[in-house]
Amino acid sequence: MYFAIYATDGPGASQTRSDLFEDFRSYLHDHPDHPDIVLHHAGQTLADEDETIVGSLLVVEASSLEAAQAFLADSPYGKAGVFGDVQVRRWNWITGRPG
């Protein structure tokens, strides 16, 4: 199953996000505690002025909603409380799908 994860940063999370960016990026590429997760896309979401980072958007393949939620919760950002709001939704990948 595919899931779209839309995570919005909580108030005052900017410095923590910046401090943990490399750790988060590394986690996205190597997450041995979540071998059932396949990351397909990830990136930062931006404020209206196109400069300020306000969150993250990820597309993952996971065995369940709970697995996708645990993957994000166990990330460096998740553990540090960077995200103020997280929405994980089942996603029907229609165009641009690999394979």
PDB file of N, CA and C in Angstrom:
ATOM      1  N   MET A   1       0.835  -1.174   0.000  1.00  0.00           N
ATOM      2  CA  MET A   1       0.000   0.000   0.000  1.00  0.00           C
ATOM      3  C   MET A   1       0.885   1.243   0.000  1.00  0.00           C
ATOM      4  N   TYR A   2       0.381   2.256  -0.674  1.00  0.00           N
ATOM      5  CA  TYR A   2       1.087   3.526  -0.705  1.00  0.00           C
ATOM      6  C   TYR A   2       0.414   4.498   0.257  1.00  0.00           C
ATOM      7  N   PHE A   3       1.258   5.349   0.861  1.00  0.00           N
ATOM      8  CA  PHE A   3       0.767   6.351   1.787  1.00  0.00           C
ATOM      9  C   PHE A   3       1.437   7.687   1.491  1.00  0.00           C
ATOM     10  N   ALA A   4       0.647   8.748   1.529  1.00  0.00           N
ATOM     11  CA  ALA A   4       1.169  10.106   1.467  1.00  0.00           C
ATOM     12  C   ALA A   4       1.208  10.623   2.896  1.00  0.00           C
ATOM     13  N   ILE A   5       2.357  11.112   3.292  1.00  0.00           N
ATOM     14  CA  ILE A   5       2.544  11.648   4.640  1.00  0.00           C
ATOM     15  C   ILE A   5       2.780  13.149   4.509  1.00  0.00           C
ATOM     16  N   TYR A   6       1.889  13.920   5.105  1.00  0.00           N
ATOM     17  CA  TYR A   6       2.007  15.370   5.094  1.00  0.00           C
ATOM     18  C   TYR A   6       2.210  15.809   6.534  1.00  0.00           C
ATOM     19  N   ALA A   7       3.412  16.284   6.825  1.00  0.00           N
ATOM     20  CA  ALA A   7       3.765  16.658   8.196  1.00  0.00           C
ATOM     21  C   ALA A   7       4.100  18.142   8.243  1.00  0.00           C
ATOM     22  N   THR A   8       3.368  18.871   9.055  1.00  0.00           N
ATOM     23  CA  THR A   8       3.588  20.306   9.209  1.00  0.00           C
ATOM     24  C   THR A   8       4.356  20.557  10.501  1.00  0.00           C
ATOM     25  N   ASP A   9       5.375  21.396  10.417  1.00  0.00           N
ATOM     26  CA  ASP A   9       6.191  21.698  11.585  1.00  0.00           C
ATOM     27  C   ASP A   9       5.380  22.415  12.659  1.00  0.00           C
ATOM     28  N   GLY A  10       5.728  22.125  13.889  1.00  0.00           N
ATOM     29  CA  GLY A  10       5.117  22.825  15.007  1.00  0.00           C
ATOM     30  C   GLY A  10       5.765  24.184  15.201  1.00  0.00           C
ATOM     31  N   PRO A  11       5.161  25.032  16.019  1.00  0.00           N
ATOM     32  CA  PRO A  11       5.719  26.358  16.294  1.00  0.00           C
ATOM     33  C   PRO A  11       7.126  26.241  16.887  1.00  0.00           C
ATOM     34  N   GLY A  12       8.017  27.067  16.398  1.00  0.00           N
ATOM     35  CA  GLY A  12       9.372  27.114  16.940  1.00  0.00           C
ATOM     36  C   GLY A  12      10.257  25.943  16.569  1.00  0.00           C
ATOM     37  N   ALA A  13       9.873  25.158  15.564  1.00  0.00           N
ATOM     38  CA  ALA A  13      10.638  23.951  15.210  1.00  0.00           C
ATOM     39  C   ALA A  13      11.749  24.209  14.195  1.00  0.00           C
ATOM     40  N   SER A  14      11.841  25.418  13.706  1.00  0.00           N
ATOM     41  CA  SER A  14      12.767  25.725  12.619  1.00  0.00           C
ATOM     42  C   SER A  14      14.220  25.361  12.932  1.00  0.00           C
ATOM     43  N   GLN A  15      14.709  25.745  14.095  1.00  0.00           N
ATOM     44  CA  GLN A  15      16.111  25.469  14.426  1.00  0.00           C
ATOM     45  C   GLN A  15      16.353  23.975  14.611  1.00  0.00           C
ATOM     46  N   THR A  16      15.431  23.295  15.262  1.00  0.00           N
ATOM     47  CA  THR A  16      15.576  21.845  15.451  1.00  0.00           C
ATOM     48  C   THR A  16      15.569  21.144  14.101  1.00  0.00           C
ATOM     49  N   ARG A  17      14.673  21.565  13.207  1.00  0.00           N
ATOM     50  CA  ARG A  17      14.635  20.996  11.854  1.00  0.00           C
ATOM     51  C   ARG A  17      15.991  21.170  11.180  1.00  0.00           C
ATOM     52  N   SER A  18      16.516  22.368  11.249  1.00  0.00           N
ATOM     53  CA  SER A  18      17.803  22.655  10.619  1.00  0.00           C
ATOM     54  C   SER A  18      18.920  21.807  11.230  1.00  0.00           C
ATOM     55  N   ASP A  19      18.935  21.727  12.548  1.00  0.00           N
ATOM     56  CA  ASP A  19      19.978  20.958  13.243  1.00  0.00           C
ATOM     57  C   ASP A  19      19.944  19.477  12.884  1.00  0.00           C
ATOM     58  N   LEU A  20      18.751  18.955  12.646  1.00  0.00           N
ATOM     59  CA  LEU A  20      18.594  17.514  12.409  1.00  0.00           C
ATOM     60  C   LEU A  20      18.440  17.138  10.941  1.00  0.00           C
ATOM     61  N   PHE A  21      18.580  18.102  10.041  1.00  0.00           N
ATOM     62  CA  PHE A  21      18.325  17.835   8.628  1.00  0.00           C
ATOM     63  C   PHE A  21      19.142  16.676   8.086  1.00  0.00           C
ATOM     64  N   GLU A  22      20.438  16.668   8.316  1.00  0.00           N
ATOM     65  CA  GLU A  22      21.293  15.596   7.777  1.00  0.00           C
ATOM     66  C   GLU A  22      20.934  14.244   8.390  1.00  0.00           C
ATOM     67  N   ASP A  23      20.602  14.221   9.676  1.00  0.00           N
ATOM     68  CA  ASP A  23      20.190  12.972  10.321  1.00  0.00           C
ATOM     69  C   ASP A  23      18.881  12.466   9.720  1.00  0.00           C
ATOM     70  N   PHE A  24      17.948  13.371   9.471  1.00  0.00           N
ATOM     71  CA  PHE A  24      16.663  12.987   8.879  1.00  0.00           C
ATOM     72  C   PHE A  24      16.876  12.458   7.458  1.00  0.00           C
ATOM     73  N   ARG A  25      17.680  13.154   6.700  1.00  0.00           N
ATOM     74  CA  ARG A  25      17.958  12.724   5.323  1.00  0.00           C
ATOM     75  C   ARG A  25      18.616  11.347   5.307  1.00  0.00           C
ATOM     76  N   SER A  26      19.551  11.113   6.193  1.00  0.00           N
ATOM     77  CA  SER A  26      20.193   9.800   6.289  1.00  0.00           C
ATOM     78  C   SER A  26      19.183   8.720   6.661  1.00  0.00           C
ATOM     79  N   TYR A  27      18.295   9.042   7.593  1.00  0.00           N
ATOM     80  CA  TYR A  27      17.261   8.102   8.025  1.00  0.00           C
ATOM     81  C   TYR A  27      16.356   7.715   6.861  1.00  0.00           C
ATOM     82  N   LEU A  28      16.024   8.678   6.022  1.00  0.00           N
ATOM     83  CA  LEU A  28      15.157   8.366   4.883  1.00  0.00           C
ATOM     84  C   LEU A  28      15.790   7.342   3.955  1.00  0.00           C
ATOM     85  N   HIS A  29      17.109   7.365   3.849  1.00  0.00           N
ATOM     86  CA  HIS A  29      17.820   6.432   2.972  1.00  0.00           C
ATOM     87  C   HIS A  29      18.172   5.113   3.644  1.00  0.00           C
ATOM     88  N   ASP A  30      18.268   5.114   4.960  1.00  0.00           N
ATOM     89  CA  ASP A  30      18.682   3.908   5.690  1.00  0.00           C
ATOM     90  C   ASP A  30      17.901   3.830   7.001  1.00  0.00           C
ATOM     91  N   HIS A  31      16.919   2.964   7.040  1.00  0.00           N
ATOM     92  CA  HIS A  31      16.054   2.815   8.219  1.00  0.00           C
ATOM     93  C   HIS A  31      15.886   1.324   8.542  1.00  0.00           C
ATOM     94  N   PRO A  32      16.932   0.713   9.107  1.00  0.00           N
ATOM     95  CA  PRO A  32      16.913  -0.742   9.344  1.00  0.00           C
ATOM     96  C   PRO A  32      15.828  -1.215  10.305  1.00  0.00           C
ATOM     97  N   ASP A  33      15.315  -0.341  11.154  1.00  0.00           N
ATOM     98  CA  ASP A  33      14.236  -0.737  12.066  1.00  0.00           C
ATOM     99  C   ASP A  33      12.885  -0.795  11.367  1.00  0.00           C
ATOM    100  N   HIS A  34      12.861  -0.365  10.103  1.00  0.00           N
ATOM    101  CA  HIS A  34      11.617  -0.371   9.322  1.00  0.00           C
ATOM    102  C   HIS A  34      11.893  -0.962   7.935  1.00  0.00           C
ATOM    103  N   PRO A  35      12.277  -2.242   7.893  1.00  0.00           N
ATOM    104  CA  PRO A  35      12.633  -2.844   6.599  1.00  0.00           C
ATOM    105  C   PRO A  35      11.452  -2.974   5.637  1.00  0.00           C
ATOM    106  N   ASP A  36      10.247  -2.873   6.153  1.00  0.00           N
ATOM    107  CA  ASP A  36       9.059  -3.002   5.302  1.00  0.00           C
ATOM    108  C   ASP A  36       8.665  -1.684   4.634  1.00  0.00           C
ATOM    109  N   ILE A  37       9.397  -0.610   4.914  1.00  0.00           N
ATOM    110  CA  ILE A  37       9.084   0.701   4.334  1.00  0.00           C
ATOM    111  C   ILE A  37       9.959   0.948   3.109  1.00  0.00           C
ATOM    112  N   VAL A  38       9.305   1.345   2.027  1.00  0.00           N
ATOM    113  CA  VAL A  38      10.020   1.782   0.832  1.00  0.00           C
ATOM    114  C   VAL A  38       9.664   3.252   0.625  1.00  0.00           C
ATOM    115  N   LEU A  39      10.674   4.100   0.659  1.00  0.00           N
ATOM    116  CA  LEU A  39      10.471   5.525   0.437  1.00  0.00           C
ATOM    117  C   LEU A  39      10.548   5.787  -1.065  1.00  0.00           C
ATOM    118  N   HIS A  40       9.512   6.409  -1.612  1.00  0.00           N
ATOM    119  CA  HIS A  40       9.504   6.716  -3.039  1.00  0.00           C
ATOM    120  C   HIS A  40       9.801   8.194  -3.306  1.00  0.00           C
ATOM    121  N   HIS A  41       9.277   9.074  -2.477  1.00  0.00           N
ATOM    122  CA  HIS A  41       9.498  10.512  -2.659  1.00  0.00           C
ATOM    123  C   HIS A  41       9.537  11.174  -1.291  1.00  0.00           C
ATOM    124  N   ALA A  42      10.336  12.243  -1.206  1.00  0.00           N
ATOM    125  CA  ALA A  42      10.367  13.035   0.024  1.00  0.00           C
ATOM    126  C   ALA A  42      10.861  14.427  -0.311  1.00  0.00           C
ATOM    127  N   GLY A  43      10.306  15.407   0.378  1.00  0.00           N
ATOM    128  CA  GLY A  43      10.760  16.772   0.179  1.00  0.00           C
ATOM    129  C   GLY A  43      10.140  17.704   1.202  1.00  0.00           C
ATOM    130  N   GLN A  44      10.667  18.901   1.219  1.00  0.00           N
ATOM    131  CA  GLN A  44      10.207  19.912   2.152  1.00  0.00           C
ATOM    132  C   GLN A  44       9.029  20.678   1.550  1.00  0.00           C
ATOM    133  N   THR A  45       8.065  21.022   2.377  1.00  0.00           N
ATOM    134  CA  THR A  45       7.002  21.913   1.944  1.00  0.00           C
ATOM    135  C   THR A  45       7.364  23.325   2.379  1.00  0.00           C
ATOM    136  N   LEU A  46       6.923  24.293   1.585  1.00  0.00           N
ATOM    137  CA  LEU A  46       7.339  25.677   1.788  1.00  0.00           C
ATOM    138  C   LEU A  46       6.150  26.587   2.060  1.00  0.00           C
ATOM    139  N   ALA A  47       6.429  27.675   2.756  1.00  0.00           N
ATOM    140  CA  ALA A  47       5.422  28.706   3.002  1.00  0.00           C
ATOM    141  C   ALA A  47       5.107  29.429   1.694  1.00  0.00           C
ATOM    142  N   ASP A  48       4.096  30.256   1.725  1.00  0.00           N
ATOM    143  CA  ASP A  48       3.637  30.950   0.518  1.00  0.00           C
ATOM    144  C   ASP A  48       4.718  31.782  -0.160  1.00  0.00           C
ATOM    145  N   GLU A  49       5.688  32.278   0.589  1.00  0.00           N
ATOM    146  CA  GLU A  49       6.720  33.106  -0.038  1.00  0.00           C
ATOM    147  C   GLU A  49       7.822  32.256  -0.674  1.00  0.00           C
ATOM    148  N   ASP A  50       7.664  30.930  -0.636  1.00  0.00           N
ATOM    149  CA  ASP A  50       8.566  29.980  -1.301  1.00  0.00           C
ATOM    150  C   ASP A  50       9.974  29.913  -0.719  1.00  0.00           C
ATOM    151  N   GLU A  51      10.154  30.314   0.523  1.00  0.00           N
ATOM    152  CA  GLU A  51      11.473  30.258   1.123  1.00  0.00           C
ATOM    153  C   GLU A  51      11.484  29.518   2.452  1.00  0.00           C
ATOM    154  N   THR A  52      10.522  29.772   3.291  1.00  0.00           N
ATOM    155  CA  THR A  52      10.493  29.200   4.628  1.00  0.00           C
ATOM    156  C   THR A  52       9.980  27.764   4.575  1.00  0.00           C
ATOM    157  N   ILE A  53      10.758  26.850   5.144  1.00  0.00           N
ATOM    158  CA  ILE A  53      10.339  25.450   5.215  1.00  0.00           C
ATOM    159  C   ILE A  53       9.307  25.321   6.327  1.00  0.00           C
ATOM    160  N   VAL A  54       8.180  24.695   6.008  1.00  0.00           N
ATOM    161  CA  VAL A  54       7.100  24.566   6.989  1.00  0.00           C
ATOM    162  C   VAL A  54       6.697  23.116   7.254  1.00  0.00           C
ATOM    163  N   GLY A  55       7.349  22.176   6.571  1.00  0.00           N
ATOM    164  CA  GLY A  55       6.989  20.786   6.792  1.00  0.00           C
ATOM    165  C   GLY A  55       7.644  19.857   5.799  1.00  0.00           C
ATOM    166  N   SER A  56       7.096  18.651   5.715  1.00  0.00           N
ATOM    167  CA  SER A  56       7.621  17.620   4.829  1.00  0.00           C
ATOM    168  C   SER A  56       6.479  16.854   4.178  1.00  0.00           C
ATOM    169  N   LEU A  57       6.747  16.382   2.971  1.00  0.00           N
ATOM    170  CA  LEU A  57       5.818  15.528   2.255  1.00  0.00           C
ATOM    171  C   LEU A  57       6.588  14.289   1.824  1.00  0.00           C
ATOM    172  N   LEU A  58       6.057  13.119   2.185  1.00  0.00           N
ATOM    173  CA  LEU A  58       6.701  11.858   1.827  1.00  0.00           C
ATOM    174  C   LEU A  58       5.675  10.929   1.187  1.00  0.00           C
ATOM    175  N   VAL A  59       6.137  10.110   0.272  1.00  0.00           N
ATOM    176  CA  VAL A  59       5.330   9.023  -0.271  1.00  0.00           C
ATOM    177  C   VAL A  59       6.080   7.744   0.051  1.00  0.00           C
ATOM    178  N   VAL A  60       5.409   6.865   0.797  1.00  0.00           N
ATOM    179  CA  VAL A  60       6.043   5.603   1.195  1.00  0.00           C
ATOM    180  C   VAL A  60       5.154   4.431   0.808  1.00  0.00           C
ATOM    181  N   GLU A  61       5.798   3.304   0.654  1.00  0.00           N
ATOM    182  CA  GLU A  61       5.093   2.040   0.491  1.00  0.00           C
ATOM    183  C   GLU A  61       5.253   1.303   1.814  1.00  0.00           C
ATOM    184  N   ALA A  62       4.143   0.884   2.394  1.00  0.00           N
ATOM    185  CA  ALA A  62       4.174   0.252   3.712  1.00  0.00           C
ATOM    186  C   ALA A  62       3.098  -0.825   3.784  1.00  0.00           C
ATOM    187  N   SER A  63       3.272  -1.726   4.723  1.00  0.00           N
ATOM    188  CA  SER A  63       2.322  -2.824   4.890  1.00  0.00           C
ATOM    189  C   SER A  63       1.014  -2.379   5.538  1.00  0.00           C
ATOM    190  N   SER A  64       1.059  -1.238   6.234  1.00  0.00           N
ATOM    191  CA  SER A  64      -0.136  -0.764   6.932  1.00  0.00           C
ATOM    192  C   SER A  64       0.010   0.710   7.279  1.00  0.00           C
ATOM    193  N   LEU A  65      -1.106   1.312   7.644  1.00  0.00           N
ATOM    194  CA  LEU A  65      -1.100   2.688   8.122  1.00  0.00           C
ATOM    195  C   LEU A  65      -0.210   2.819   9.352  1.00  0.00           C
ATOM    196  N   GLU A  66      -0.314   1.859  10.252  1.00  0.00           N
ATOM    197  CA  GLU A  66       0.478   1.888  11.489  1.00  0.00           C
ATOM    198  C   GLU A  66       1.978   1.836  11.190  1.00  0.00           C
ATOM    199  N   ALA A  67       2.374   1.064  10.199  1.00  0.00           N
ATOM    200  CA  ALA A  67       3.794   0.979   9.830  1.00  0.00           C
ATOM    201  C   ALA A  67       4.289   2.312   9.285  1.00  0.00           C
ATOM    202  N   ALA A  68       3.474   2.970   8.469  1.00  0.00           N
ATOM    203  CA  ALA A  68       3.853   4.281   7.931  1.00  0.00           C
ATOM    204  C   ALA A  68       3.959   5.311   9.054  1.00  0.00           C
ATOM    205  N   GLN A  69       3.021   5.285   9.978  1.00  0.00           N
ATOM    206  CA  GLN A  69       3.057   6.216  11.109  1.00  0.00           C
ATOM    207  C   GLN A  69       4.280   5.974  11.988  1.00  0.00           C
ATOM    208  N   ALA A  70       4.599   4.718  12.243  1.00  0.00           N
ATOM    209  CA  ALA A  70       5.758   4.380  13.080  1.00  0.00           C
ATOM    210  C   ALA A  70       7.058   4.818  12.413  1.00  0.00           C
ATOM    211  N   PHE A  71       7.133   4.674  11.093  1.00  0.00           N
ATOM    212  CA  PHE A  71       8.320   5.096  10.346  1.00  0.00           C
ATOM    213  C   PHE A  71       8.603   6.577  10.580  1.00  0.00           C
ATOM    214  N   LEU A  72       7.589   7.412  10.485  1.00  0.00           N
ATOM    215  CA  LEU A  72       7.794   8.838  10.698  1.00  0.00           C
ATOM    216  C   LEU A  72       8.058   9.151  12.167  1.00  0.00           C
ATOM    217  N   ALA A  73       7.350   8.499  13.059  1.00  0.00           N
ATOM    218  CA  ALA A  73       7.540   8.740  14.495  1.00  0.00           C
ATOM    219  C   ALA A  73       8.947   8.386  14.946  1.00  0.00           C
ATOM    220  N   ASP A  74       9.556   7.377  14.339  1.00  0.00           N
ATOM    221  CA  ASP A  74      10.901   6.941  14.720  1.00  0.00           C
ATOM    222  C   ASP A  74      12.004   7.747  14.043  1.00  0.00           C
ATOM    223  N   SER A  75      11.639   8.653  13.155  1.00  0.00           N
ATOM    224  CA  SER A  75      12.638   9.475  12.470  1.00  0.00           C
ATOM    225  C   SER A  75      13.235  10.493  13.441  1.00  0.00           C
ATOM    226  N   PRO A  76      14.393  11.062  13.111  1.00  0.00           N
ATOM    227  CA  PRO A  76      14.952  12.115  13.966  1.00  0.00           C
ATOM    228  C   PRO A  76      13.994  13.280  14.190  1.00  0.00           C
ATOM    229  N   TYR A  77      13.254  13.679  13.159  1.00  0.00           N
ATOM    230  CA  TYR A  77      12.276  14.752  13.331  1.00  0.00           C
ATOM    231  C   TYR A  77      11.133  14.299  14.229  1.00  0.00           C
ATOM    232  N   GLY A  78      10.682  13.086  14.040  1.00  0.00           N
ATOM    233  CA  GLY A  78       9.595  12.566  14.856  1.00  0.00           C
ATOM    234  C   GLY A  78       9.973  12.498  16.326  1.00  0.00           C
ATOM    235  N   LYS A  79      11.155  11.971  16.597  1.00  0.00           N
ATOM    236  CA  LYS A  79      11.619  11.842  17.986  1.00  0.00           C
ATOM    237  C   LYS A  79      11.851  13.197  18.652  1.00  0.00           C
ATOM    238  N   ALA A  80      12.242  14.203  17.859  1.00  0.00           N
ATOM    239  CA  ALA A  80      12.531  15.531  18.412  1.00  0.00           C
ATOM    240  C   ALA A  80      11.282  16.403  18.486  1.00  0.00           C
ATOM    241  N   GLY A  81      10.152  15.911  18.015  1.00  0.00           N
ATOM    242  CA  GLY A  81       8.922  16.689  18.087  1.00  0.00           C
ATOM    243  C   GLY A  81       8.850  17.840  17.097  1.00  0.00           C
ATOM    244  N   VAL A  82       9.539  17.718  15.965  1.00  0.00           N
ATOM    245  CA  VAL A  82       9.526  18.786  14.959  1.00  0.00           C
ATOM    246  C   VAL A  82       8.123  19.006  14.402  1.00  0.00           C
ATOM    247  N   PHE A  83       7.399  17.921  14.187  1.00  0.00           N
ATOM    248  CA  PHE A  83       6.095  18.028  13.540  1.00  0.00           C
ATOM    249  C   PHE A  83       4.982  18.354  14.529  1.00  0.00           C
ATOM    250  N   GLY A  84       4.207  19.362  14.197  1.00  0.00           N
ATOM    251  CA  GLY A  84       3.067  19.720  15.027  1.00  0.00           C
ATOM    252  C   GLY A  84       1.802  19.010  14.580  1.00  0.00           C
ATOM    253  N   ASP A  85       1.719  18.730  13.282  1.00  0.00           N
ATOM    254  CA  ASP A  85       0.552  18.048  12.732  1.00  0.00           C
ATOM    255  C   ASP A  85       1.026  17.059  11.677  1.00  0.00           C
ATOM    256  N   VAL A  86       0.534  15.839  11.766  1.00  0.00           N
ATOM    257  CA  VAL A  86       0.898  14.800  10.797  1.00  0.00           C
ATOM    258  C   VAL A  86      -0.372  14.153  10.277  1.00  0.00           C
ATOM    259  N   GLN A  87      -0.464  14.087   8.959  1.00  0.00           N
ATOM    260  CA  GLN A  87      -1.560  13.378   8.316  1.00  0.00           C
ATOM    261  C   GLN A  87      -0.963  12.283   7.451  1.00  0.00           C
ATOM    262  N   VAL A  88      -1.400  11.065   7.673  1.00  0.00           N
ATOM    263  CA  VAL A  88      -0.956   9.921   6.875  1.00  0.00           C
ATOM    264  C   VAL A  88      -2.201   9.356   6.210  1.00  0.00           C
ATOM    265  N   ARG A  89      -2.206   9.373   4.894  1.00  0.00           N
ATOM    266  CA  ARG A  89      -3.382   8.940   4.140  1.00  0.00           C
ATOM    267  C   ARG A  89      -3.004   7.864   3.136  1.00  0.00           C
ATOM    268  N   ARG A  90      -3.861   6.886   3.007  1.00  0.00           N
ATOM    269  CA  ARG A  90      -3.701   5.895   1.946  1.00  0.00           C
ATOM    270  C   ARG A  90      -3.760   6.653   0.638  1.00  0.00           C
ATOM    271  N   TRP A  91      -2.892   6.269  -0.316  1.00  0.00           N
ATOM    272  CA  TRP A  91      -2.761   7.032  -1.548  1.00  0.00           C
ATOM    273  C   TRP A  91      -2.877   6.112  -2.733  1.00  0.00           C
ATOM    274  N   ASN A  92      -3.714   6.485  -3.670  1.00  0.00           N
ATOM    275  CA  ASN A  92      -3.906   5.725  -4.893  1.00  0.00           C
ATOM    276  C   ASN A  92      -3.022   6.329  -5.976  1.00  0.00           C
ATOM    277  N   TRP A  93      -1.864   5.720  -6.178  1.00  0.00           N
ATOM    278  CA  TRP A  93      -0.874   6.246  -7.105  1.00  0.00           C
ATOM    279  C   TRP A  93      -1.325   5.955  -8.528  1.00  0.00           C
ATOM    280  N   ILE A  94      -1.693   6.976  -9.281  1.00  0.00           N
ATOM    281  CA  ILE A  94      -2.241   6.795 -10.623  1.00  0.00           C
ATOM    282  C   ILE A  94      -1.226   7.094 -11.716  1.00  0.00           C
ATOM    283  N   THR A  95      -0.535   8.237 -11.651  1.00  0.00           N
ATOM    284  CA  THR A  95       0.404   8.580 -12.718  1.00  0.00           C
ATOM    285  C   THR A  95       1.834   8.649 -12.181  1.00  0.00           C
ATOM    286  N   GLY A  96       2.786   8.374 -13.060  1.00  0.00           N
ATOM    287  CA  GLY A  96       4.197   8.453 -12.687  1.00  0.00           C
ATOM    288  C   GLY A  96       4.655   7.326 -11.791  1.00  0.00           C
ATOM    289  N   ARG A  97       3.857   6.275 -11.719  1.00  0.00           N
ATOM    290  CA  ARG A  97       4.181   5.149 -10.840  1.00  0.00           C
ATOM    291  C   ARG A  97       5.330   4.332 -11.420  1.00  0.00           C
ATOM    292  N   PRO A  98       6.330   3.986 -10.581  1.00  0.00           N
ATOM    293  CA  PRO A  98       7.449   3.184 -11.093  1.00  0.00           C
ATOM    294  C   PRO A  98       7.005   1.770 -11.462  1.00  0.00           C
ATOM    295  N   GLY A  99       7.716   1.196 -12.405  1.00  0.00           N
ATOM    296  CA  GLY A  99       7.474  -0.199 -12.782  1.00  0.00           C
ATOM    297  C   GLY A  99       6.329  -0.331 -13.686  1.00  0.00           C
TER     298      GLY A  99
END
